Amino acid sequence: MNKLISEKYKEWEQECNQRFQQLKQNEEELNRIFIDIYGLQDELTPEVADKDVTVRKADLQREIKSLISYAVGCMFGRYSLDVEGLVYAGGKWDSSKYIRFIPDDDNCIPITDEEYFKDDIVGRLVEFVKVVYGEKTLEENLSFIANALGNKGNTSREVIRNYFLNDFIKDHIKTYQKRPIYWLFDSGKKNGFKALCYMHRWNADTIGNMRVEYLHRMQRVYEKEIKRMQDIIDNSKDNKEILNATKRREKLQKQLKETKDYDTLVAHLALSRIDIDLDDGVKVNYEKVQTAPDGKKMQILAKI
């Protein structure tokens, strides 16, 4: 089993176009019937503009973003490759429904601007594509996804990483009309720390787990990388290498500071062990988990 996403897209595009043309013909035929019944030949025409047809044609970038959104759903267990439809949206978790692709076990997937962890969101997407479409076609499929997204990057993985880093949450918030189900922990403009979680798997320990297992882990990575850059600066004889290491050290220092500032916000909320009630809806819960016991607002999630 080795399939190409490009071929699947062509099949979908053809199906959408056939459906579009059939509906357009049906609407124009209905128009002709009503024009004849009411004698409106001199006032109306039966033709229907493409923009007025009530189904959409296929759009490559939109379909690829939908595929990525579905993959994220599988990462969190909302969907499964083994069960049709919505699989988990609260209630009792049933691990037997996930066989081919296992969801994240602690409801927190980091998004980093470089590949620091094999199990970050890019690594998980690569795994998803490999499982669904096969290992032999993996690189070709990743290139197809990257080309459709059109983000910056020198490799397909870099392009996909930049999409998750900069655009995924914007698209998700727009699709869900400012009521996202995937929530983004976001430390700020330096991209010091970002991680996704799934609202329907939130519990009182979600923030605390994110802080200890991911935020603090990210800080240790930055500290180690800053030290490594400093070693290059101190010992290298190559001016270009020293310049690059200096620039990266400065960037990492800014990211580390941002994560520490973020940590002070997160700490208050983590200690509060804030749980949510899904019946209250996204808006209420989104504010609730960012409000300290004293009523102070702590912006730890991306703005919606």
C-alpha atoms as a PDB file:
ATOM      1  CA  MET A   1       0.000   0.000   0.000  1.00  0.00           C
ATOM      2  CA  ASN A   2       1.760   3.078  -1.314  1.00  0.00           C
ATOM      3  CA  LYS A   3      -0.554   5.818  -2.528  1.00  0.00           C
ATOM      4  CA  LEU A   4      -0.021   9.328  -3.808  1.00  0.00           C
ATOM      5  CA  ILE A   5      -2.021  12.198  -2.351  1.00  0.00           C
ATOM      6  CA  SER A   6      -1.763  13.910  -5.740  1.00  0.00           C
ATOM      7  CA  GLU A   7      -3.661  11.044  -7.401  1.00  0.00           C
ATOM      8  CA  LYS A   8      -6.291  11.016  -4.661  1.00  0.00           C
ATOM      9  CA  TYR A   9      -6.713  14.752  -5.098  1.00  0.00           C
ATOM     10  CA  LYS A  10      -7.215  14.352  -8.874  1.00  0.00           C
ATOM     11  CA  GLU A  11      -9.959  11.801  -8.213  1.00  0.00           C
ATOM     12  CA  TRP A  12     -11.598  14.146  -5.714  1.00  0.00           C
ATOM     13  CA  GLU A  13     -11.258  17.120  -8.079  1.00  0.00           C
ATOM     14  CA  GLN A  14     -12.937  15.165 -10.872  1.00  0.00           C
ATOM     15  CA  GLU A  15     -15.766  14.080  -8.568  1.00  0.00           C
ATOM     16  CA  CYS A  16     -16.298  17.675  -7.354  1.00  0.00           C
ATOM     17  CA  ASN A  17     -16.303  19.050 -10.903  1.00  0.00           C
ATOM     18  CA  GLN A  18     -18.831  16.447 -12.065  1.00  0.00           C
ATOM     19  CA  ARG A  19     -21.077  17.236  -9.108  1.00  0.00           C
ATOM     20  CA  PHE A  20     -20.660  20.973  -9.748  1.00  0.00           C
ATOM     21  CA  GLN A  21     -21.541  20.705 -13.445  1.00  0.00           C
ATOM     22  CA  GLN A  22     -24.516  18.418 -12.748  1.00  0.00           C
ATOM     23  CA  LEU A  23     -25.954  20.802 -10.175  1.00  0.00           C
ATOM     24  CA  LYS A  24     -25.366  23.778 -12.445  1.00  0.00           C
ATOM     25  CA  GLN A  25     -27.237  22.028 -15.266  1.00  0.00           C
ATOM     26  CA  ASN A  26     -30.089  21.136 -12.901  1.00  0.00           C
ATOM     27  CA  GLU A  27     -30.407  24.735 -11.647  1.00  0.00           C
ATOM     28  CA  GLU A  28     -30.390  26.109 -15.198  1.00  0.00           C
ATOM     29  CA  GLU A  29     -33.036  23.586 -16.277  1.00  0.00           C
ATOM     30  CA  LEU A  30     -35.255  24.659 -13.351  1.00  0.00           C
ATOM     31  CA  ASN A  31     -34.759  28.274 -14.373  1.00  0.00           C
ATOM     32  CA  ARG A  32     -35.877  27.485 -17.935  1.00  0.00           C
ATOM     33  CA  ILE A  33     -39.001  25.750 -16.631  1.00  0.00           C
ATOM     34  CA  PHE A  34     -40.015  28.741 -14.440  1.00  0.00           C
ATOM     35  CA  ILE A  35     -39.190  31.252 -17.176  1.00  0.00           C
ATOM     36  CA  ASP A  36     -41.436  29.342 -19.596  1.00  0.00           C
ATOM     37  CA  ILE A  37     -44.238  28.987 -17.026  1.00  0.00           C
ATOM     38  CA  TYR A  38     -44.317  32.709 -16.216  1.00  0.00           C
ATOM     39  CA  GLY A  39     -43.392  34.005 -19.679  1.00  0.00           C
ATOM     40  CA  LEU A  40     -40.267  35.823 -18.515  1.00  0.00           C
ATOM     41  CA  GLN A  41     -38.126  35.138 -21.602  1.00  0.00           C
ATOM     42  CA  ASP A  42     -37.588  38.864 -22.199  1.00  0.00           C
ATOM     43  CA  GLU A  43     -36.598  39.601 -18.585  1.00  0.00           C
ATOM     44  CA  LEU A  44     -34.539  36.634 -17.346  1.00  0.00           C
ATOM     45  CA  THR A  45     -31.993  34.135 -18.641  1.00  0.00           C
ATOM     46  CA  PRO A  46     -31.650  30.583 -17.374  1.00  0.00           C
ATOM     47  CA  GLU A  47     -27.851  30.672 -17.100  1.00  0.00           C
ATOM     48  CA  VAL A  48     -26.312  30.380 -13.627  1.00  0.00           C
ATOM     49  CA  ALA A  49     -22.908  31.923 -12.881  1.00  0.00           C
ATOM     50  CA  ASP A  50     -20.325  29.566 -11.403  1.00  0.00           C
ATOM     51  CA  LYS A  51     -20.108  31.653  -8.239  1.00  0.00           C
ATOM     52  CA  ASP A  52     -23.825  31.130  -7.613  1.00  0.00           C
ATOM     53  CA  VAL A  53     -23.767  27.330  -7.781  1.00  0.00           C
ATOM     54  CA  THR A  54     -24.411  25.969  -4.305  1.00  0.00           C
ATOM     55  CA  VAL A  55     -21.591  23.389  -4.227  1.00  0.00           C
ATOM     56  CA  ARG A  56     -17.891  24.136  -4.426  1.00  0.00           C
ATOM     57  CA  LYS A  57     -15.271  22.986  -6.857  1.00  0.00           C
ATOM     58  CA  ALA A  58     -12.163  21.360  -5.441  1.00  0.00           C
ATOM     59  CA  ASP A  59      -9.440  23.728  -4.239  1.00  0.00           C
ATOM     60  CA  LEU A  60      -6.005  22.204  -3.702  1.00  0.00           C
ATOM     61  CA  GLN A  61      -4.809  24.370  -0.806  1.00  0.00           C
ATOM     62  CA  ARG A  62      -8.154  24.179   0.983  1.00  0.00           C
ATOM     63  CA  GLU A  63      -8.281  20.372   0.636  1.00  0.00           C
ATOM     64  CA  ILE A  64      -4.706  19.938   1.877  1.00  0.00           C
ATOM     65  CA  LYS A  65      -5.424  22.133   4.905  1.00  0.00           C
ATOM     66  CA  SER A  66      -8.520  20.012   5.560  1.00  0.00           C
ATOM     67  CA  LEU A  67      -6.352  16.885   5.369  1.00  0.00           C
ATOM     68  CA  ILE A  68      -3.937  18.399   7.897  1.00  0.00           C
ATOM     69  CA  SER A  69      -6.834  19.339  10.182  1.00  0.00           C
ATOM     70  CA  TYR A  70      -8.124  15.766   9.994  1.00  0.00           C
ATOM     71  CA  ALA A  71      -4.625  14.472  10.783  1.00  0.00           C
ATOM     72  CA  VAL A  72      -4.494  16.712  13.865  1.00  0.00           C
ATOM     73  CA  GLY A  73      -7.873  15.299  14.858  1.00  0.00           C
ATOM     74  CA  CYS A  74      -6.388  11.802  14.623  1.00  0.00           C
ATOM     75  CA  MET A  75      -3.377  12.920  16.706  1.00  0.00           C
ATOM     76  CA  PHE A  76      -5.742  13.857  19.542  1.00  0.00           C
ATOM     77  CA  GLY A  77      -8.216  11.000  19.084  1.00  0.00           C
ATOM     78  CA  ARG A  78     -11.115  13.103  17.829  1.00  0.00           C
ATOM     79  CA  TYR A  79     -10.992  10.918  14.716  1.00  0.00           C
ATOM     80  CA  SER A  80      -9.591   7.458  14.062  1.00  0.00           C
ATOM     81  CA  LEU A  81      -8.318   5.705  10.953  1.00  0.00           C
ATOM     82  CA  ASP A  82     -10.183   2.616  12.144  1.00  0.00           C
ATOM     83  CA  VAL A  83     -13.637   4.049  12.945  1.00  0.00           C
ATOM     84  CA  GLU A  84     -15.808   6.280  10.772  1.00  0.00           C
ATOM     85  CA  GLY A  85     -17.031   9.685  11.893  1.00  0.00           C
ATOM     86  CA  LEU A  86     -16.491  11.513  15.161  1.00  0.00           C
ATOM     87  CA  VAL A  87     -14.854   9.145  17.642  1.00  0.00           C
ATOM     88  CA  TYR A  88     -14.142  11.192  20.772  1.00  0.00           C
ATOM     89  CA  ALA A  89     -15.684  14.480  21.915  1.00  0.00           C
ATOM     90  CA  GLY A  90     -15.736  13.932  25.674  1.00  0.00           C
ATOM     91  CA  GLY A  91     -16.920  11.109  27.895  1.00  0.00           C
ATOM     92  CA  LYS A  92     -15.241   7.734  28.339  1.00  0.00           C
ATOM     93  CA  TRP A  93     -12.056   7.137  26.348  1.00  0.00           C
ATOM     94  CA  ASP A  94     -11.905   3.861  24.409  1.00  0.00           C
ATOM     95  CA  SER A  95      -8.350   3.058  23.298  1.00  0.00           C
ATOM     96  CA  SER A  96      -9.544   0.004  21.342  1.00  0.00           C
ATOM     97  CA  LYS A  97     -10.831   2.370  18.631  1.00  0.00           C
ATOM     98  CA  TYR A  98      -7.287   3.395  17.684  1.00  0.00           C
ATOM     99  CA  ILE A  99      -5.149   0.721  16.046  1.00  0.00           C
ATOM    100  CA  ARG A 100      -3.307   1.997  12.977  1.00  0.00           C
ATOM    101  CA  PHE A 101      -2.501   5.461  14.364  1.00  0.00           C
ATOM    102  CA  ILE A 102      -2.295   5.954  18.112  1.00  0.00           C
ATOM    103  CA  PRO A 103      -3.377   9.371  19.487  1.00  0.00           C
ATOM    104  CA  ASP A 104      -1.128  11.480  21.696  1.00  0.00           C
ATOM    105  CA  ASP A 105      -1.217  10.085  25.216  1.00  0.00           C
ATOM    106  CA  ASP A 106      -1.145  13.311  27.259  1.00  0.00           C
ATOM    107  CA  ASN A 107      -3.099  15.783  25.094  1.00  0.00           C
ATOM    108  CA  CYS A 108      -0.152  18.097  24.417  1.00  0.00           C
ATOM    109  CA  ILE A 109       1.745  18.307  21.124  1.00  0.00           C
ATOM    110  CA  PRO A 110       4.562  20.878  20.832  1.00  0.00           C
ATOM    111  CA  ILE A 111       5.067  23.115  17.787  1.00  0.00           C
ATOM    112  CA  THR A 112       8.687  24.274  17.528  1.00  0.00           C
ATOM    113  CA  ASP A 113      10.438  26.490  14.986  1.00  0.00           C
ATOM    114  CA  GLU A 114      13.224  23.913  14.618  1.00  0.00           C
ATOM    115  CA  GLU A 115      13.217  20.140  14.919  1.00  0.00           C
ATOM    116  CA  TYR A 116      14.017  19.659  18.588  1.00  0.00           C
ATOM    117  CA  PHE A 117      11.714  16.701  19.271  1.00  0.00           C
ATOM    118  CA  LYS A 118      10.883  13.706  17.077  1.00  0.00           C
ATOM    119  CA  ASP A 119       7.350  13.611  18.495  1.00  0.00           C
ATOM    120  CA  ASP A 120       6.463  17.242  17.774  1.00  0.00           C
ATOM    121  CA  ILE A 121       3.529  18.041  15.505  1.00  0.00           C
ATOM    122  CA  VAL A 122       5.568  17.793  12.295  1.00  0.00           C
ATOM    123  CA  GLY A 123       6.910  14.393  13.318  1.00  0.00           C
ATOM    124  CA  ARG A 124       3.378  13.229  14.059  1.00  0.00           C
ATOM    125  CA  LEU A 125       2.096  14.467  10.698  1.00  0.00           C
ATOM    126  CA  VAL A 126       4.924  12.650   8.904  1.00  0.00           C
ATOM    127  CA  GLU A 127       3.948   9.494  10.796  1.00  0.00           C
ATOM    128  CA  PHE A 128       0.287   9.997   9.828  1.00  0.00           C
ATOM    129  CA  VAL A 129       1.125  10.379   6.118  1.00  0.00           C
ATOM    130  CA  LYS A 130       3.357   7.295   6.292  1.00  0.00           C
ATOM    131  CA  VAL A 131       0.628   5.185   7.913  1.00  0.00           C
ATOM    132  CA  VAL A 132      -2.155   6.324   5.583  1.00  0.00           C
ATOM    133  CA  TYR A 133      -0.335   6.526   2.254  1.00  0.00           C
ATOM    134  CA  GLY A 134       2.705   4.279   2.678  1.00  0.00           C
ATOM    135  CA  GLU A 135       6.408   4.708   3.337  1.00  0.00           C
ATOM    136  CA  LYS A 136       7.644   4.497  -0.271  1.00  0.00           C
ATOM    137  CA  THR A 137       5.604   7.535  -1.337  1.00  0.00           C
ATOM    138  CA  LEU A 138       6.252   9.506   1.873  1.00  0.00           C
ATOM    139  CA  GLU A 139       8.673  12.110   0.513  1.00  0.00           C
ATOM    140  CA  GLU A 140       6.644  12.687  -2.647  1.00  0.00           C
ATOM    141  CA  ASN A 141       3.493  13.134  -0.577  1.00  0.00           C
ATOM    142  CA  LEU A 142       5.199  15.545   1.845  1.00  0.00           C
ATOM    143  CA  SER A 143       6.420  17.590  -1.137  1.00  0.00           C
ATOM    144  CA  PHE A 144       2.897  17.682  -2.550  1.00  0.00           C
ATOM    145  CA  ILE A 145       1.533  18.909   0.793  1.00  0.00           C
ATOM    146  CA  ALA A 146       4.277  21.531   1.115  1.00  0.00           C
ATOM    147  CA  ASN A 147       3.773  22.838  -2.429  1.00  0.00           C
ATOM    148  CA  ALA A 148       0.033  23.154  -1.828  1.00  0.00           C
ATOM    149  CA  LEU A 149       0.567  25.083   1.419  1.00  0.00           C
ATOM    150  CA  GLY A 150       3.008  27.521  -0.192  1.00  0.00           C
ATOM    151  CA  ASN A 151       4.705  28.536   3.072  1.00  0.00           C
ATOM    152  CA  LYS A 152       8.381  29.442   3.340  1.00  0.00           C
ATOM    153  CA  GLY A 153      11.003  26.741   3.839  1.00  0.00           C
ATOM    154  CA  ASN A 154      13.889  24.974   2.131  1.00  0.00           C
ATOM    155  CA  THR A 155      12.463  21.477   2.589  1.00  0.00           C
ATOM    156  CA  SER A 156       8.957  20.043   2.653  1.00  0.00           C
ATOM    157  CA  ARG A 157       9.227  19.522   6.414  1.00  0.00           C
ATOM    158  CA  GLU A 158      10.305  23.140   6.957  1.00  0.00           C
ATOM    159  CA  VAL A 159       7.345  24.381   4.903  1.00  0.00           C
ATOM    160  CA  ILE A 160       4.954  22.205   6.923  1.00  0.00           C
ATOM    161  CA  ARG A 161       6.606  23.339  10.175  1.00  0.00           C
ATOM    162  CA  ASN A 162       6.124  26.991   9.225  1.00  0.00           C
ATOM    163  CA  TYR A 163       2.475  26.327   8.427  1.00  0.00           C
ATOM    164  CA  PHE A 164       1.882  24.867  11.883  1.00  0.00           C
ATOM    165  CA  LEU A 165       3.928  27.627  13.501  1.00  0.00           C
ATOM    166  CA  ASN A 166       2.236  30.568  11.783  1.00  0.00           C
ATOM    167  CA  ASP A 167      -1.019  29.651  10.070  1.00  0.00           C
ATOM    168  CA  PHE A 168      -2.654  26.464  11.342  1.00  0.00           C
ATOM    169  CA  ILE A 169      -4.350  28.010  14.360  1.00  0.00           C
ATOM    170  CA  LYS A 170      -5.567  30.999  12.289  1.00  0.00           C
ATOM    171  CA  ASP A 171      -7.183  28.633   9.782  1.00  0.00           C
ATOM    172  CA  HIS A 172      -8.649  26.508  12.574  1.00  0.00           C
ATOM    173  CA  ILE A 173     -10.129  29.510  14.398  1.00  0.00           C
ATOM    174  CA  LYS A 174     -11.618  30.777  11.125  1.00  0.00           C
ATOM    175  CA  THR A 175     -13.067  27.367  10.197  1.00  0.00           C
ATOM    176  CA  TYR A 176     -14.654  26.991  13.624  1.00  0.00           C
ATOM    177  CA  GLN A 177     -15.917  30.584  13.620  1.00  0.00           C
ATOM    178  CA  LYS A 178     -13.816  31.698  16.608  1.00  0.00           C
ATOM    179  CA  ARG A 179     -14.797  28.664  18.667  1.00  0.00           C
ATOM    180  CA  PRO A 180     -11.736  26.428  18.276  1.00  0.00           C
ATOM    181  CA  ILE A 181     -11.635  22.904  19.620  1.00  0.00           C
ATOM    182  CA  TYR A 182      -7.844  22.707  19.369  1.00  0.00           C
ATOM    183  CA  TRP A 183      -6.296  25.220  21.755  1.00  0.00           C
ATOM    184  CA  LEU A 184      -2.835  26.677  21.268  1.00  0.00           C
ATOM    185  CA  PHE A 185      -0.573  27.408  24.231  1.00  0.00           C
ATOM    186  CA  ASP A 186       1.418  30.383  22.921  1.00  0.00           C
ATOM    187  CA  SER A 187       4.235  32.240  24.695  1.00  0.00           C
ATOM    188  CA  GLY A 188       4.418  35.117  22.208  1.00  0.00           C
ATOM    189  CA  LYS A 189       5.908  36.580  19.035  1.00  0.00           C
ATOM    190  CA  LYS A 190       9.356  34.967  19.440  1.00  0.00           C
ATOM    191  CA  ASN A 191       7.798  31.501  19.093  1.00  0.00           C
ATOM    192  CA  GLY A 192       9.525  30.455  22.294  1.00  0.00           C
ATOM    193  CA  PHE A 193       6.834  27.931  23.116  1.00  0.00           C
ATOM    194  CA  LYS A 194       3.786  26.656  21.272  1.00  0.00           C
ATOM    195  CA  ALA A 195       1.780  23.499  21.899  1.00  0.00           C
ATOM    196  CA  LEU A 196      -1.651  22.255  20.872  1.00  0.00           C
ATOM    197  CA  CYS A 197      -4.161  20.511  23.081  1.00  0.00           C
ATOM    198  CA  TYR A 198      -7.690  19.217  22.442  1.00  0.00           C
ATOM    199  CA  MET A 199     -10.479  20.941  24.356  1.00  0.00           C
ATOM    200  CA  HIS A 200     -12.497  17.741  24.761  1.00  0.00           C
ATOM    201  CA  ARG A 201      -9.590  16.013  26.526  1.00  0.00           C
ATOM    202  CA  TRP A 202      -8.866  18.913  28.888  1.00  0.00           C
ATOM    203  CA  ASN A 203      -8.677  18.156  32.605  1.00  0.00           C
ATOM    204  CA  ALA A 204      -7.516  19.890  35.788  1.00  0.00           C
ATOM    205  CA  ASP A 205      -3.910  18.800  35.191  1.00  0.00           C
ATOM    206  CA  THR A 206      -3.588  19.874  31.532  1.00  0.00           C
ATOM    207  CA  ILE A 207      -1.802  23.160  32.243  1.00  0.00           C
ATOM    208  CA  GLY A 208       0.441  21.641  34.916  1.00  0.00           C
ATOM    209  CA  ASN A 209       1.428  18.768  32.635  1.00  0.00           C
ATOM    210  CA  MET A 210       2.134  21.162  29.771  1.00  0.00           C
ATOM    211  CA  ARG A 211       4.309  23.281  32.062  1.00  0.00           C
ATOM    212  CA  VAL A 212       6.433  20.490  33.551  1.00  0.00           C
ATOM    213  CA  GLU A 213       6.674  18.079  30.616  1.00  0.00           C
ATOM    214  CA  TYR A 214       6.919  20.535  27.728  1.00  0.00           C
ATOM    215  CA  LEU A 215       7.550  24.159  28.705  1.00  0.00           C
ATOM    216  CA  HIS A 216      10.360  23.338  31.137  1.00  0.00           C
ATOM    217  CA  ARG A 217      11.713  20.782  28.678  1.00  0.00           C
ATOM    218  CA  MET A 218      11.815  23.488  26.006  1.00  0.00           C
ATOM    219  CA  GLN A 219      13.712  25.803  28.348  1.00  0.00           C
ATOM    220  CA  ARG A 220      16.351  23.115  28.922  1.00  0.00           C
ATOM    221  CA  VAL A 221      16.728  22.705  25.164  1.00  0.00           C
ATOM    222  CA  TYR A 222      17.282  26.457  24.729  1.00  0.00           C
ATOM    223  CA  GLU A 223      19.849  26.535  27.539  1.00  0.00           C
ATOM    224  CA  LYS A 224      21.746  23.627  25.989  1.00  0.00           C
ATOM    225  CA  GLU A 225      21.661  25.188  22.514  1.00  0.00           C
ATOM    226  CA  ILE A 226      22.787  28.592  23.833  1.00  0.00           C
ATOM    227  CA  LYS A 227      25.768  26.893  25.480  1.00  0.00           C
ATOM    228  CA  ARG A 228      26.551  25.053  22.235  1.00  0.00           C
ATOM    229  CA  MET A 229      26.445  28.304  20.258  1.00  0.00           C
ATOM    230  CA  GLN A 230      28.715  29.948  22.834  1.00  0.00           C
ATOM    231  CA  ASP A 231      31.219  27.101  22.456  1.00  0.00           C
ATOM    232  CA  ILE A 232      31.292  27.691  18.699  1.00  0.00           C
ATOM    233  CA  ILE A 233      31.808  31.441  19.200  1.00  0.00           C
ATOM    234  CA  ASP A 234      34.649  30.827  21.653  1.00  0.00           C
ATOM    235  CA  ASN A 235      36.459  28.113  19.708  1.00  0.00           C
ATOM    236  CA  SER A 236      35.765  28.483  15.987  1.00  0.00           C
ATOM    237  CA  LYS A 237      38.258  30.089  13.570  1.00  0.00           C
ATOM    238  CA  ASP A 238      35.601  30.505  10.867  1.00  0.00           C
ATOM    239  CA  ASN A 239      34.156  34.039  10.868  1.00  0.00           C
ATOM    240  CA  LYS A 240      30.978  32.994   9.048  1.00  0.00           C
ATOM    241  CA  GLU A 241      30.381  30.174  11.525  1.00  0.00           C
ATOM    242  CA  ILE A 242      30.927  32.572  14.435  1.00  0.00           C
ATOM    243  CA  LEU A 243      28.504  35.094  12.921  1.00  0.00           C
ATOM    244  CA  ASN A 244      25.797  32.456  12.400  1.00  0.00           C
ATOM    245  CA  ALA A 245      26.298  31.104  15.926  1.00  0.00           C
ATOM    246  CA  THR A 246      26.080  34.632  17.377  1.00  0.00           C
ATOM    247  CA  LYS A 247      22.809  35.315  15.567  1.00  0.00           C
ATOM    248  CA  ARG A 248      21.319  32.013  16.654  1.00  0.00           C
ATOM    249  CA  ARG A 249      22.465  32.512  20.257  1.00  0.00           C
ATOM    250  CA  GLU A 250      20.729  35.902  20.370  1.00  0.00           C
ATOM    251  CA  LYS A 251      17.535  34.402  18.935  1.00  0.00           C
ATOM    252  CA  LEU A 252      17.628  31.533  21.442  1.00  0.00           C
ATOM    253  CA  GLN A 253      18.238  33.912  24.348  1.00  0.00           C
ATOM    254  CA  LYS A 254      15.147  35.906  23.378  1.00  0.00           C
ATOM    255  CA  GLN A 255      13.096  32.719  23.093  1.00  0.00           C
ATOM    256  CA  LEU A 256      14.332  31.490  26.473  1.00  0.00           C
ATOM    257  CA  LYS A 257      13.394  34.806  28.112  1.00  0.00           C
ATOM    258  CA  GLU A 258       9.954  34.640  26.508  1.00  0.00           C
ATOM    259  CA  THR A 259       9.376  31.117  27.871  1.00  0.00           C
ATOM    260  CA  LYS A 260      10.419  32.193  31.375  1.00  0.00           C
ATOM    261  CA  ASP A 261       8.056  35.176  31.286  1.00  0.00           C
ATOM    262  CA  TYR A 262       5.354  32.827  30.042  1.00  0.00           C
ATOM    263  CA  ASP A 263       6.145  30.384  32.834  1.00  0.00           C
ATOM    264  CA  THR A 264       5.287  32.982  35.470  1.00  0.00           C
ATOM    265  CA  LEU A 265       1.783  33.247  33.982  1.00  0.00           C
ATOM    266  CA  VAL A 266       1.352  29.525  33.579  1.00  0.00           C
ATOM    267  CA  ALA A 267       2.499  28.755  37.141  1.00  0.00           C
ATOM    268  CA  HIS A 268      -0.466  30.572  38.743  1.00  0.00           C
ATOM    269  CA  LEU A 269      -2.957  28.726  36.571  1.00  0.00           C
ATOM    270  CA  ALA A 270      -1.274  25.345  36.921  1.00  0.00           C
ATOM    271  CA  LEU A 271      -1.522  25.506  40.710  1.00  0.00           C
ATOM    272  CA  SER A 272      -5.224  26.343  40.423  1.00  0.00           C
ATOM    273  CA  ARG A 273      -5.927  23.085  38.536  1.00  0.00           C
ATOM    274  CA  ILE A 274      -8.706  24.611  36.450  1.00  0.00           C
ATOM    275  CA  ASP A 275     -11.113  22.130  34.888  1.00  0.00           C
ATOM    276  CA  ILE A 276     -13.797  22.887  32.315  1.00  0.00           C
ATOM    277  CA  ASP A 277     -17.402  21.944  31.631  1.00  0.00           C
ATOM    278  CA  LEU A 278     -17.926  21.143  27.949  1.00  0.00           C
ATOM    279  CA  ASP A 279     -21.588  22.135  28.254  1.00  0.00           C
ATOM    280  CA  ASP A 280     -20.496  25.740  28.863  1.00  0.00           C
ATOM    281  CA  GLY A 281     -19.108  26.011  25.324  1.00  0.00           C
ATOM    282  CA  VAL A 282     -15.801  27.229  23.921  1.00  0.00           C
ATOM    283  CA  LYS A 283     -16.013  30.938  24.732  1.00  0.00           C
ATOM    284  CA  VAL A 284     -16.729  30.461  28.438  1.00  0.00           C
ATOM    285  CA  ASN A 285     -14.159  27.719  28.923  1.00  0.00           C
ATOM    286  CA  TYR A 286     -11.476  29.545  26.922  1.00  0.00           C
ATOM    287  CA  GLU A 287     -11.711  32.464  29.350  1.00  0.00           C
ATOM    288  CA  LYS A 288     -12.077  30.218  32.394  1.00  0.00           C
ATOM    289  CA  VAL A 289      -8.753  28.402  31.921  1.00  0.00           C
ATOM    290  CA  GLN A 290      -6.964  31.746  31.542  1.00  0.00           C
ATOM    291  CA  THR A 291      -8.396  33.325  34.681  1.00  0.00           C
ATOM    292  CA  ALA A 292      -6.606  33.042  38.037  1.00  0.00           C
ATOM    293  CA  PRO A 293      -8.579  32.496  41.281  1.00  0.00           C
ATOM    294  CA  ASP A 294      -8.241  36.219  42.076  1.00  0.00           C
ATOM    295  CA  GLY A 295      -9.933  37.060  38.760  1.00  0.00           C
ATOM    296  CA  LYS A 296      -6.760  38.191  37.021  1.00  0.00           C
ATOM    297  CA  LYS A 297      -6.591  37.352  33.292  1.00  0.00           C
ATOM    298  CA  MET A 298      -3.537  35.376  32.132  1.00  0.00           C
ATOM    299  CA  GLN A 299      -3.150  35.248  28.347  1.00  0.00           C
ATOM    300  CA  ILE A 300      -1.625  31.806  27.864  1.00  0.00           C
ATOM    301  CA  LEU A 301      -3.637  30.707  24.807  1.00  0.00           C
ATOM    302  CA  ALA A 302      -3.685  32.199  21.317  1.00  0.00           C
ATOM    303  CA  LYS A 303      -6.142  35.047  20.917  1.00  0.00           C
ATOM    304  CA  ILE A 304      -9.434  34.294  19.184  1.00  0.00           C
END
